[in-house]
C-alpha cells in the first residue's frame, strides 16, 4: 500500500507543474499551486501525530487515502473536461495536503503495531528502499505521461494508487497500543514536542533538511 501510493505521489508534482502551465499559470500562480499541498502539511502534521496516537491508525490511513484519491480523481476529471482553472488545482491540493498530514504520522506509527520488535529495522529499511525507488521511477513515468498524453492521466493514475493503498490498508489488523482518550491533546502535543527536542540527531536533521529545501 505504501509503495503504490508513494509511486503515485512521485508522479504528480511534475504533472501538476505542467497542468498549471497549460492553464496559463504565471510564476506566482505556479508557486501557489505547488505550495498548496505543503502548507496544510506544515500546519497539521503535529496534530496528525497526536490523532494517530489517539485513534485507530488503520482507519485514519483508509480515510485519508480515500480523500486523496477523490482529490486527484477530481483534478483529473476537471483537466480532461477542460473546465479546470488555477483555483481548482490550489483548492484540491490544499485538501490533499491536509489529508497527507494525517496519513504520514499514522503510516509511520502503524509499522510498530504490525511488525515485531526484531523485524522493525528490516521493515523500515524495506519501506525506505521502496520510497527511494518510487521517487526515481515516479517522475520518469510522469514525464512519459505528460509527453505522450496529458497531465490529467497522471492524476488519474494517482487516484488509482491511493484507492489501491486504501484496499491494502483495510487488510491490516486493527492497531493497538493507543493512548487513553481522556488525556488532553494539548498535553500530547507538548509531550511530543519535548520528545522531539530531546533528541539532537532528530531536530538537527530536520533543521538541515529545512535549510536545504529553503536554499533549493
C-alpha atoms as a PDB file:
ATOM      1  CA  UNK A   1       0.000   0.000   0.000  1.00  0.00           C
ATOM      2  CA  UNK A   2       2.742   2.449   0.911  1.00  0.00           C
ATOM      3  CA  UNK A   3       4.731   1.606  -2.227  1.00  0.00           C
ATOM      4  CA  UNK A   4       1.878   2.083  -4.660  1.00  0.00           C
ATOM      5  CA  UNK A   5       0.676   5.344  -3.072  1.00  0.00           C
ATOM      6  CA  UNK A   6       4.237   6.697  -2.870  1.00  0.00           C
ATOM      7  CA  UNK A   7       4.669   5.917  -6.567  1.00  0.00           C
ATOM      8  CA  UNK A   8       1.534   7.895  -7.359  1.00  0.00           C
ATOM      9  CA  UNK A   9       2.707  10.736  -5.153  1.00  0.00           C
ATOM     10  CA  UNK A  10       6.027  10.831  -7.012  1.00  0.00           C
ATOM     11  CA  UNK A  11       4.210  11.156 -10.330  1.00  0.00           C
ATOM     12  CA  UNK A  12       2.016  14.145  -9.503  1.00  0.00           C
ATOM     13  CA  UNK A  13       4.454  17.047  -8.808  1.00  0.00           C
ATOM     14  CA  UNK A  14       5.706  17.089 -12.399  1.00  0.00           C
ATOM     15  CA  UNK A  15       2.196  16.590 -13.756  1.00  0.00           C
ATOM     16  CA  UNK A  16       0.894  19.360 -11.504  1.00  0.00           C
ATOM     17  CA  UNK A  17       3.519  21.742 -12.853  1.00  0.00           C
ATOM     18  CA  UNK A  18       2.603  21.090 -16.479  1.00  0.00           C
ATOM     19  CA  UNK A  19      -1.120  21.160 -15.719  1.00  0.00           C
ATOM     20  CA  UNK A  20      -0.774  24.633 -14.201  1.00  0.00           C
ATOM     21  CA  UNK A  21       1.366  25.851 -17.102  1.00  0.00           C
ATOM     22  CA  UNK A  22      -1.164  24.541 -19.629  1.00  0.00           C
ATOM     23  CA  UNK A  23      -3.810  26.591 -17.804  1.00  0.00           C
ATOM     24  CA  UNK A  24      -1.669  29.695 -18.332  1.00  0.00           C
ATOM     25  CA  UNK A  25      -0.350  30.000 -14.780  1.00  0.00           C
ATOM     26  CA  UNK A  26       2.027  32.843 -14.020  1.00  0.00           C
ATOM     27  CA  UNK A  27       5.143  32.240 -11.952  1.00  0.00           C
ATOM     28  CA  UNK A  28       3.276  33.328  -8.822  1.00  0.00           C
ATOM     29  CA  UNK A  29       0.262  31.143  -9.572  1.00  0.00           C
ATOM     30  CA  UNK A  30       2.536  28.170 -10.239  1.00  0.00           C
ATOM     31  CA  UNK A  31       4.117  28.753  -6.834  1.00  0.00           C
ATOM     32  CA  UNK A  32       0.673  28.758  -5.220  1.00  0.00           C
ATOM     33  CA  UNK A  33      -0.280  25.513  -6.940  1.00  0.00           C
ATOM     34  CA  UNK A  34       2.928  23.735  -5.973  1.00  0.00           C
ATOM     35  CA  UNK A  35       2.904  25.102  -2.428  1.00  0.00           C
ATOM     36  CA  UNK A  36      -0.755  24.359  -1.762  1.00  0.00           C
ATOM     37  CA  UNK A  37      -0.121  20.790  -0.614  1.00  0.00           C
ATOM     38  CA  UNK A  38       2.820  21.773   1.606  1.00  0.00           C
ATOM     39  CA  UNK A  39       1.054  24.441   3.678  1.00  0.00           C
ATOM     40  CA  UNK A  40      -1.571  22.181   5.324  1.00  0.00           C
ATOM     41  CA  UNK A  41       1.139  19.589   5.995  1.00  0.00           C
ATOM     42  CA  UNK A  42       3.090  22.228   7.885  1.00  0.00           C
ATOM     43  CA  UNK A  43       0.000  23.299   9.840  1.00  0.00           C
ATOM     44  CA  UNK A  44      -1.496  19.889  10.652  1.00  0.00           C
ATOM     45  CA  UNK A  45       1.430  17.449  10.833  1.00  0.00           C
ATOM     46  CA  UNK A  46       1.804  17.759  14.628  1.00  0.00           C
ATOM     47  CA  UNK A  47      -1.935  17.441  15.157  1.00  0.00           C
ATOM     48  CA  UNK A  48      -1.883  14.440  12.823  1.00  0.00           C
ATOM     49  CA  UNK A  49       0.714  12.810  15.049  1.00  0.00           C
ATOM     50  CA  UNK A  50      -1.463  13.262  18.131  1.00  0.00           C
ATOM     51  CA  UNK A  51      -4.549  11.977  16.315  1.00  0.00           C
ATOM     52  CA  UNK A  52      -2.570   8.947  15.119  1.00  0.00           C
ATOM     53  CA  UNK A  53      -1.769   8.087  18.741  1.00  0.00           C
ATOM     54  CA  UNK A  54      -5.330   8.515  19.986  1.00  0.00           C
ATOM     55  CA  UNK A  55      -7.377   6.786  17.285  1.00  0.00           C
ATOM     56  CA  UNK A  56      -7.134   3.633  15.221  1.00  0.00           C
ATOM     57  CA  UNK A  57      -4.333   4.223  12.741  1.00  0.00           C
ATOM     58  CA  UNK A  58      -5.679   1.814  10.152  1.00  0.00           C
ATOM     59  CA  UNK A  59      -8.923   3.772   9.921  1.00  0.00           C
ATOM     60  CA  UNK A  60      -7.012   7.051   9.585  1.00  0.00           C
ATOM     61  CA  UNK A  61      -4.958   5.589   6.741  1.00  0.00           C
ATOM     62  CA  UNK A  62      -8.017   4.301   4.890  1.00  0.00           C
ATOM     63  CA  UNK A  63      -9.937   7.587   5.216  1.00  0.00           C
ATOM     64  CA  UNK A  64      -7.016   9.807   4.222  1.00  0.00           C
ATOM     65  CA  UNK A  65      -6.138   7.532   1.283  1.00  0.00           C
ATOM     66  CA  UNK A  66      -9.708   7.823   0.006  1.00  0.00           C
ATOM     67  CA  UNK A  67      -9.757  11.612   0.490  1.00  0.00           C
ATOM     68  CA  UNK A  68      -6.547  11.943  -1.527  1.00  0.00           C
ATOM     69  CA  UNK A  69      -7.937   9.577  -4.173  1.00  0.00           C
ATOM     70  CA  UNK A  70     -11.044  11.746  -4.570  1.00  0.00           C
ATOM     71  CA  UNK A  71      -8.953  14.929  -4.817  1.00  0.00           C
ATOM     72  CA  UNK A  72      -6.754  13.503  -7.552  1.00  0.00           C
ATOM     73  CA  UNK A  73      -9.702  11.979  -9.412  1.00  0.00           C
ATOM     74  CA  UNK A  74     -11.494  15.344  -9.398  1.00  0.00           C
ATOM     75  CA  UNK A  75      -8.326  17.044 -10.642  1.00  0.00           C
ATOM     76  CA  UNK A  76      -8.076  14.525 -13.481  1.00  0.00           C
ATOM     77  CA  UNK A  77     -11.753  14.996 -14.396  1.00  0.00           C
ATOM     78  CA  UNK A  78     -11.508  18.800 -14.378  1.00  0.00           C
ATOM     79  CA  UNK A  79      -8.419  18.711 -16.597  1.00  0.00           C
ATOM     80  CA  UNK A  80      -9.845  16.146 -19.021  1.00  0.00           C
ATOM     81  CA  UNK A  81     -13.106  18.074 -19.436  1.00  0.00           C
ATOM     82  CA  UNK A  82     -11.261  21.343 -19.989  1.00  0.00           C
ATOM     83  CA  UNK A  83     -13.082  23.251 -17.244  1.00  0.00           C
ATOM     84  CA  UNK A  84     -10.198  23.369 -14.756  1.00  0.00           C
ATOM     85  CA  UNK A  85      -8.886  26.725 -13.572  1.00  0.00           C
ATOM     86  CA  UNK A  86      -5.964  27.527 -11.292  1.00  0.00           C
ATOM     87  CA  UNK A  87      -8.023  27.852  -8.118  1.00  0.00           C
ATOM     88  CA  UNK A  88      -9.382  24.323  -8.663  1.00  0.00           C
ATOM     89  CA  UNK A  89      -5.844  22.961  -8.512  1.00  0.00           C
ATOM     90  CA  UNK A  90      -4.991  25.034  -5.443  1.00  0.00           C
ATOM     91  CA  UNK A  91      -8.141  24.028  -3.531  1.00  0.00           C
ATOM     92  CA  UNK A  92      -7.834  20.317  -4.276  1.00  0.00           C
ATOM     93  CA  UNK A  93      -4.129  20.282  -3.370  1.00  0.00           C
ATOM     94  CA  UNK A  94      -4.936  22.025  -0.078  1.00  0.00           C
ATOM     95  CA  UNK A  95      -7.374  19.252   0.825  1.00  0.00           C
ATOM     96  CA  UNK A  96      -4.987  16.515  -0.323  1.00  0.00           C
ATOM     97  CA  UNK A  97      -2.162  18.103   1.679  1.00  0.00           C
ATOM     98  CA  UNK A  98      -4.304  18.196   4.811  1.00  0.00           C
ATOM     99  CA  UNK A  99      -5.122  14.503   4.389  1.00  0.00           C
ATOM    100  CA  UNK A 100      -1.439  13.712   3.877  1.00  0.00           C
ATOM    101  CA  UNK A 101      -0.614  15.480   7.157  1.00  0.00           C
ATOM    102  CA  UNK A 102      -2.752  12.917   8.999  1.00  0.00           C
ATOM    103  CA  UNK A 103      -1.648   9.989   6.832  1.00  0.00           C
ATOM    104  CA  UNK A 104       2.095  10.391   7.380  1.00  0.00           C
ATOM    105  CA  UNK A 105       2.284  10.016  11.205  1.00  0.00           C
ATOM    106  CA  UNK A 106      -0.260   7.171  11.229  1.00  0.00           C
ATOM    107  CA  UNK A 107       1.599   5.295   8.485  1.00  0.00           C
ATOM    108  CA  UNK A 108       4.829   5.576  10.467  1.00  0.00           C
ATOM    109  CA  UNK A 109       3.242   4.551  13.768  1.00  0.00           C
ATOM    110  CA  UNK A 110       1.355   1.563  12.392  1.00  0.00           C
ATOM    111  CA  UNK A 111       4.591  -0.176  11.396  1.00  0.00           C
ATOM    112  CA  UNK A 112       5.352  -0.851  15.034  1.00  0.00           C
ATOM    113  CA  UNK A 113       1.789  -2.086  15.535  1.00  0.00           C
ATOM    114  CA  UNK A 114       2.074  -4.874  12.954  1.00  0.00           C
ATOM    115  CA  UNK A 115       5.804  -5.730  12.965  1.00  0.00           C
ATOM    116  CA  UNK A 116       7.608  -7.475  15.798  1.00  0.00           C
ATOM    117  CA  UNK A 117      10.451  -5.638  17.535  1.00  0.00           C
ATOM    118  CA  UNK A 118      13.108  -7.882  15.991  1.00  0.00           C
ATOM    119  CA  UNK A 119      11.839  -7.175  12.464  1.00  0.00           C
ATOM    120  CA  UNK A 120      11.236  -3.445  12.900  1.00  0.00           C
ATOM    121  CA  UNK A 121      14.560  -2.319  11.443  1.00  0.00           C
ATOM    122  CA  UNK A 122      14.307  -4.530   8.315  1.00  0.00           C
ATOM    123  CA  UNK A 123      10.703  -3.399   7.855  1.00  0.00           C
ATOM    124  CA  UNK A 124      11.673   0.277   7.973  1.00  0.00           C
ATOM    125  CA  UNK A 125      14.594  -0.433   5.637  1.00  0.00           C
ATOM    126  CA  UNK A 126      12.199  -2.074   3.175  1.00  0.00           C
ATOM    127  CA  UNK A 127       9.861   0.906   3.330  1.00  0.00           C
ATOM    128  CA  UNK A 128      12.796   3.271   2.829  1.00  0.00           C
ATOM    129  CA  UNK A 129      14.047   1.314  -0.173  1.00  0.00           C
ATOM    130  CA  UNK A 130      10.550   1.346  -1.660  1.00  0.00           C
ATOM    131  CA  UNK A 131      10.318   5.111  -1.132  1.00  0.00           C
ATOM    132  CA  UNK A 132      13.674   5.722  -2.834  1.00  0.00           C
ATOM    133  CA  UNK A 133      12.873   3.508  -5.822  1.00  0.00           C
ATOM    134  CA  UNK A 134       9.447   5.042  -6.401  1.00  0.00           C
ATOM    135  CA  UNK A 135      10.997   8.504  -6.015  1.00  0.00           C
ATOM    136  CA  UNK A 136      13.204   7.720  -9.009  1.00  0.00           C
ATOM    137  CA  UNK A 137      10.639   5.918 -11.142  1.00  0.00           C
ATOM    138  CA  UNK A 138       7.679   8.244 -10.485  1.00  0.00           C
ATOM    139  CA  UNK A 139       8.978  11.403 -12.204  1.00  0.00           C
ATOM    140  CA  UNK A 140      10.055   9.337 -15.220  1.00  0.00           C
ATOM    141  CA  UNK A 141       6.543   7.919 -15.561  1.00  0.00           C
ATOM    142  CA  UNK A 142       5.125  11.430 -15.184  1.00  0.00           C
ATOM    143  CA  UNK A 143       7.373  12.704 -17.956  1.00  0.00           C
ATOM    144  CA  UNK A 144       6.179   9.980 -20.319  1.00  0.00           C
ATOM    145  CA  UNK A 145       2.521  10.618 -19.462  1.00  0.00           C
ATOM    146  CA  UNK A 146       2.849  14.382 -19.954  1.00  0.00           C
ATOM    147  CA  UNK A 147       4.755  13.985 -23.232  1.00  0.00           C
ATOM    148  CA  UNK A 148       2.548  11.309 -24.787  1.00  0.00           C
ATOM    149  CA  UNK A 149      -0.849  12.034 -23.279  1.00  0.00           C
ATOM    150  CA  UNK A 150      -1.867  14.688 -20.722  1.00  0.00           C
ATOM    151  CA  UNK A 151      -1.107  15.655 -17.100  1.00  0.00           C
ATOM    152  CA  UNK A 152      -4.685  14.604 -16.341  1.00  0.00           C
ATOM    153  CA  UNK A 153      -3.763  10.949 -16.819  1.00  0.00           C
ATOM    154  CA  UNK A 154      -1.075  11.245 -14.168  1.00  0.00           C
ATOM    155  CA  UNK A 155      -3.676  12.438 -11.667  1.00  0.00           C
ATOM    156  CA  UNK A 156      -5.976   9.609 -12.693  1.00  0.00           C
ATOM    157  CA  UNK A 157      -3.231   7.080 -12.032  1.00  0.00           C
ATOM    158  CA  UNK A 158      -2.504   8.724  -8.686  1.00  0.00           C
ATOM    159  CA  UNK A 159      -6.177   8.394  -7.733  1.00  0.00           C
ATOM    160  CA  UNK A 160      -5.990   4.683  -8.542  1.00  0.00           C
ATOM    161  CA  UNK A 161      -2.833   4.240  -6.446  1.00  0.00           C
ATOM    162  CA  UNK A 162      -4.472   5.862  -3.419  1.00  0.00           C
ATOM    163  CA  UNK A 163      -7.502   3.598  -3.849  1.00  0.00           C
ATOM    164  CA  UNK A 164      -5.275   0.521  -4.027  1.00  0.00           C
ATOM    165  CA  UNK A 165      -3.444   1.747  -0.944  1.00  0.00           C
ATOM    166  CA  UNK A 166      -6.743   2.076   0.945  1.00  0.00           C
ATOM    167  CA  UNK A 167      -7.631  -1.507  -0.010  1.00  0.00           C
ATOM    168  CA  UNK A 168      -4.247  -2.715   1.223  1.00  0.00           C
ATOM    169  CA  UNK A 169      -4.566  -0.742   4.480  1.00  0.00           C
ATOM    170  CA  UNK A 170      -8.002  -2.273   5.076  1.00  0.00           C
ATOM    171  CA  UNK A 171      -6.321  -5.684   5.302  1.00  0.00           C
ATOM    172  CA  UNK A 172      -4.063  -4.569   8.167  1.00  0.00           C
ATOM    173  CA  UNK A 173      -5.208  -5.765  11.610  1.00  0.00           C
ATOM    174  CA  UNK A 174      -6.741  -3.124  13.852  1.00  0.00           C
ATOM    175  CA  UNK A 175      -3.969  -1.148  15.536  1.00  0.00           C
ATOM    176  CA  UNK A 176      -3.406  -1.255  19.250  1.00  0.00           C
ATOM    177  CA  UNK A 177      -1.418   0.490  21.979  1.00  0.00           C
ATOM    178  CA  UNK A 178      -3.210   3.803  21.561  1.00  0.00           C
ATOM    179  CA  UNK A 179      -3.127   6.477  24.243  1.00  0.00           C
ATOM    180  CA  UNK A 180      -6.075   6.752  26.649  1.00  0.00           C
ATOM    181  CA  UNK A 181      -8.722   9.042  25.209  1.00  0.00           C
ATOM    182  CA  UNK A 182      -9.051  11.113  28.389  1.00  0.00           C
ATOM    183  CA  UNK A 183      -5.644  12.743  28.005  1.00  0.00           C
ATOM    184  CA  UNK A 184      -5.518  16.314  26.736  1.00  0.00           C
ATOM    185  CA  UNK A 185      -4.497  16.697  23.090  1.00  0.00           C
ATOM    186  CA  UNK A 186      -2.558  19.818  24.083  1.00  0.00           C
ATOM    187  CA  UNK A 187      -0.628  17.787  26.646  1.00  0.00           C
ATOM    188  CA  UNK A 188       0.056  15.193  23.964  1.00  0.00           C
ATOM    189  CA  UNK A 189       1.422  17.930  21.682  1.00  0.00           C
ATOM    190  CA  UNK A 190       3.652  19.305  24.452  1.00  0.00           C
ATOM    191  CA  UNK A 191       4.928  15.836  25.310  1.00  0.00           C
ATOM    192  CA  UNK A 192       5.586  15.074  21.647  1.00  0.00           C
ATOM    193  CA  UNK A 193       7.498  18.334  21.225  1.00  0.00           C
ATOM    194  CA  UNK A 194       9.556  17.513  24.326  1.00  0.00           C
ATOM    195  CA  UNK A 195      10.438  14.100  22.904  1.00  0.00           C
ATOM    196  CA  UNK A 196      11.385  15.696  19.582  1.00  0.00           C
ATOM    197  CA  UNK A 197      13.634  18.387  21.073  1.00  0.00           C
ATOM    198  CA  UNK A 198      15.333  15.927  23.444  1.00  0.00           C
ATOM    199  CA  UNK A 199      16.877  14.018  20.520  1.00  0.00           C
ATOM    200  CA  UNK A 200      19.626  16.117  18.992  1.00  0.00           C
ATOM    201  CA  UNK A 201      20.071  13.893  15.948  1.00  0.00           C
ATOM    202  CA  UNK A 202      16.379  14.272  15.076  1.00  0.00           C
ATOM    203  CA  UNK A 203      15.952  18.054  15.309  1.00  0.00           C
ATOM    204  CA  UNK A 204      19.378  18.751  13.770  1.00  0.00           C
ATOM    205  CA  UNK A 205      18.452  16.557  10.791  1.00  0.00           C
ATOM    206  CA  UNK A 206      15.121  18.362  10.425  1.00  0.00           C
ATOM    207  CA  UNK A 207      16.818  21.774  10.543  1.00  0.00           C
ATOM    208  CA  UNK A 208      19.467  20.774   7.997  1.00  0.00           C
ATOM    209  CA  UNK A 209      16.821  19.437   5.621  1.00  0.00           C
ATOM    210  CA  UNK A 210      14.757  22.601   6.083  1.00  0.00           C
ATOM    211  CA  UNK A 211      17.825  24.689   5.185  1.00  0.00           C
ATOM    212  CA  UNK A 212      18.394  22.516   2.115  1.00  0.00           C
ATOM    213  CA  UNK A 213      14.810  22.935   0.947  1.00  0.00           C
ATOM    214  CA  UNK A 214      14.866  26.693   1.503  1.00  0.00           C
ATOM    215  CA  UNK A 215      18.140  27.021  -0.413  1.00  0.00           C
ATOM    216  CA  UNK A 216      16.968  24.939  -3.368  1.00  0.00           C
END
